[in-house]
Amino acid sequence: MLKKSKNELNEMEYLVTQQNGTEPPFQNEYWNHFDKGIYVDKLSGKPLFTSEEKFESDCGWPSFSKALDDQEVIELVDKTHGMIRTEVRSDDSDSHLGHVFNDGPKESGGLRYCINSAAVQFIPYDKLEDLGYGELVNHFND
């Protein structure tokens, strides 16, 4: 499994995951990344999302229609910045991931998990076995 300690996080990763920050839209690693694979919590290495649920939302951040495991993604009320939103955090590391909105694809349940690239690490499909995520191969359509 891939994971980092808090001391290994760069400035943006720390701002996002530990201080509930947000990286700039359209200027982050995965906003327009559509390779086949999974996205894991940068700190714990726990799988959070797959490319099968990723879609283009034109918001500037990676967007997913659902989490891989609802037990790994915790939803909390966020009343910051004069808004009421639903924050999503990683259960295992308690890292801020982003927010979930009700404007996703209707055919996929209507949710849009808007996730900061700085909070996740992409694992390519062809590396799943080698990196200890082989049990997730069956989540993909061939």
Protein backbone atom coordinates (compact mmCIF):
# COMPACT_ATOMS: atom_id res chain seq x y z
CA MET A 1 0.00 0.00 0.00
CA LEU A 2 1.10 3.51 -0.76
CA LYS A 3 0.91 6.01 2.06
CA LYS A 4 2.69 9.03 3.48
CA SER A 5 3.22 10.38 6.97
CA LYS A 6 2.08 13.93 7.75
CA ASN A 7 5.76 14.97 7.75
CA GLU A 8 6.10 13.86 4.11
CA LEU A 9 3.25 16.01 2.82
CA ASN A 10 4.15 19.00 0.68
CA GLU A 11 2.71 22.42 1.52
CA MET A 12 -0.45 22.04 -0.60
CA GLU A 13 -1.10 18.46 0.58
CA TYR A 14 -0.82 19.61 4.20
CA LEU A 15 -3.04 22.66 3.63
CA VAL A 16 -5.77 20.52 2.04
CA THR A 17 -5.68 17.39 4.20
CA GLN A 18 -4.82 18.83 7.62
CA GLN A 19 -6.14 22.40 7.44
CA ASN A 20 -9.30 21.81 5.36
CA GLY A 21 -7.94 23.86 2.47
CA THR A 22 -8.79 23.77 -1.20
CA GLU A 23 -6.33 23.65 -4.07
CA PRO A 24 -6.86 25.92 -7.10
CA PRO A 25 -9.31 24.62 -9.74
CA PHE A 26 -7.86 23.47 -13.08
CA GLN A 27 -4.36 23.66 -11.54
CA ASN A 28 -4.18 20.32 -9.79
CA GLU A 29 -2.89 16.92 -10.77
CA TYR A 30 -6.07 14.92 -11.42
CA TRP A 31 -8.78 17.36 -12.57
CA ASN A 32 -8.50 16.15 -16.18
CA HIS A 33 -6.91 12.74 -15.52
CA PHE A 34 -8.95 9.81 -16.82
CA ASP A 35 -6.56 6.83 -16.79
CA LYS A 36 -7.87 3.51 -15.50
CA GLY A 37 -7.10 2.92 -11.82
CA ILE A 38 -7.95 3.84 -8.25
CA TYR A 39 -7.52 6.91 -6.07
CA VAL A 40 -6.33 6.26 -2.52
CA ASP A 41 -6.09 8.39 0.61
CA LYS A 42 -2.64 9.96 0.44
CA LEU A 43 -2.00 9.37 4.18
CA SER A 44 -3.53 5.96 4.87
CA GLY A 45 -3.32 4.39 1.42
CA LYS A 46 -6.96 3.25 1.74
CA PRO A 47 -8.83 3.03 -1.60
CA LEU A 48 -11.47 5.77 -1.94
CA PHE A 49 -12.55 6.07 -5.59
CA THR A 50 -12.06 4.34 -8.94
CA SER A 51 -11.74 5.75 -12.43
CA GLU A 52 -14.96 3.87 -13.27
CA GLU A 53 -16.92 6.51 -11.30
CA LYS A 54 -14.85 9.52 -12.38
CA PHE A 55 -16.53 11.97 -14.75
CA GLU A 56 -15.89 15.35 -16.36
CA SER A 57 -17.77 18.00 -14.38
CA ASP A 58 -16.03 21.18 -15.58
CA CYS A 59 -15.53 22.26 -11.95
CA GLY A 60 -11.72 22.07 -12.03
CA TRP A 61 -11.29 19.23 -9.54
CA PRO A 62 -11.59 15.45 -9.86
CA SER A 63 -15.25 14.43 -9.65
CA PHE A 64 -16.65 11.00 -8.82
CA SER A 65 -20.25 9.76 -8.74
CA LYS A 66 -19.69 7.52 -5.73
CA ALA A 67 -17.08 6.34 -3.25
CA LEU A 68 -15.61 2.87 -3.52
CA ASP A 69 -16.58 2.12 0.10
CA ASP A 70 -19.00 4.38 1.96
CA GLN A 71 -17.32 3.33 5.24
CA GLU A 72 -14.05 5.00 4.16
CA VAL A 73 -15.58 8.39 3.24
CA ILE A 74 -17.20 10.27 6.12
CA GLU A 75 -19.67 13.10 5.45
CA LEU A 76 -19.87 16.13 7.78
CA VAL A 77 -21.78 19.42 7.71
CA ASP A 78 -19.51 22.31 6.68
CA LYS A 79 -20.79 25.82 7.46
CA THR A 80 -17.61 27.71 6.50
CA HIS A 81 -17.40 30.52 3.93
CA GLY A 82 -21.05 31.49 4.44
CA MET A 83 -22.34 28.26 2.88
CA ILE A 84 -23.80 24.99 4.06
CA ARG A 85 -22.03 22.13 2.30
CA THR A 86 -21.25 18.49 2.94
CA GLU A 87 -17.57 17.92 3.61
CA VAL A 88 -16.02 14.53 2.89
CA ARG A 89 -13.14 13.18 4.96
CA SER A 90 -11.18 9.97 4.92
CA ASP A 91 -12.27 7.81 7.84
CA ASP A 92 -8.88 6.19 8.44
CA SER A 93 -6.66 9.30 8.38
CA ASP A 94 -9.30 11.97 9.14
CA SER A 95 -7.98 13.93 6.15
CA HIS A 96 -10.11 16.54 4.41
CA LEU A 97 -10.83 15.29 0.88
CA GLY A 98 -13.31 17.82 -0.50
CA HIS A 99 -17.11 18.08 -0.67
CA VAL A 100 -20.05 16.16 -2.09
CA PHE A 101 -22.85 17.86 -4.03
CA ASN A 102 -26.19 16.76 -5.48
CA ASP A 103 -25.44 17.87 -9.05
CA GLY A 104 -23.76 14.73 -10.38
CA PRO A 105 -24.94 12.44 -13.18
CA LYS A 106 -28.54 11.40 -12.49
CA GLU A 107 -27.96 7.96 -14.06
CA SER A 108 -25.21 7.33 -11.48
CA GLY A 109 -27.16 8.44 -8.43
CA GLY A 110 -26.89 12.22 -8.75
CA LEU A 111 -23.85 12.80 -6.52
CA ARG A 112 -20.63 14.64 -7.34
CA TYR A 113 -17.75 13.99 -4.99
CA CYS A 114 -15.53 16.99 -5.68
CA ILE A 115 -12.11 15.87 -4.42
CA ASN A 116 -8.82 17.73 -4.04
CA SER A 117 -6.03 16.06 -6.00
CA ALA A 118 -3.67 16.90 -3.13
CA ALA A 119 -5.60 14.52 -0.84
CA VAL A 120 -5.37 11.43 -3.05
CA GLN A 121 -2.82 9.35 -4.93
CA PHE A 122 -3.65 7.66 -8.24
CA ILE A 123 -2.73 3.99 -8.63
CA PRO A 124 -2.79 2.79 -12.27
CA TYR A 125 -4.84 -0.33 -13.01
CA ASP A 126 -1.78 -2.28 -14.18
CA LYS A 127 -0.02 -1.60 -10.84
CA LEU A 128 -2.88 -2.69 -8.54
CA GLU A 129 -1.52 -6.20 -7.96
CA ASP A 130 2.09 -5.07 -7.44
CA LEU A 131 1.13 -2.37 -4.93
CA GLY A 132 -1.20 -4.52 -2.80
CA TYR A 133 -4.56 -3.52 -4.29
CA GLY A 134 -5.19 -6.67 -6.35
CA GLU A 135 -8.58 -7.31 -4.72
CA LEU A 136 -9.89 -4.19 -6.54
CA VAL A 137 -9.27 -5.48 -10.06
CA ASN A 138 -12.83 -6.85 -10.16
CA HIS A 139 -14.28 -3.31 -9.80
CA PHE A 140 -13.36 -2.51 -13.39
CA ASN A 141 -15.18 -3.14 -16.64
CA ASP A 142 -12.86 -4.65 -19.22
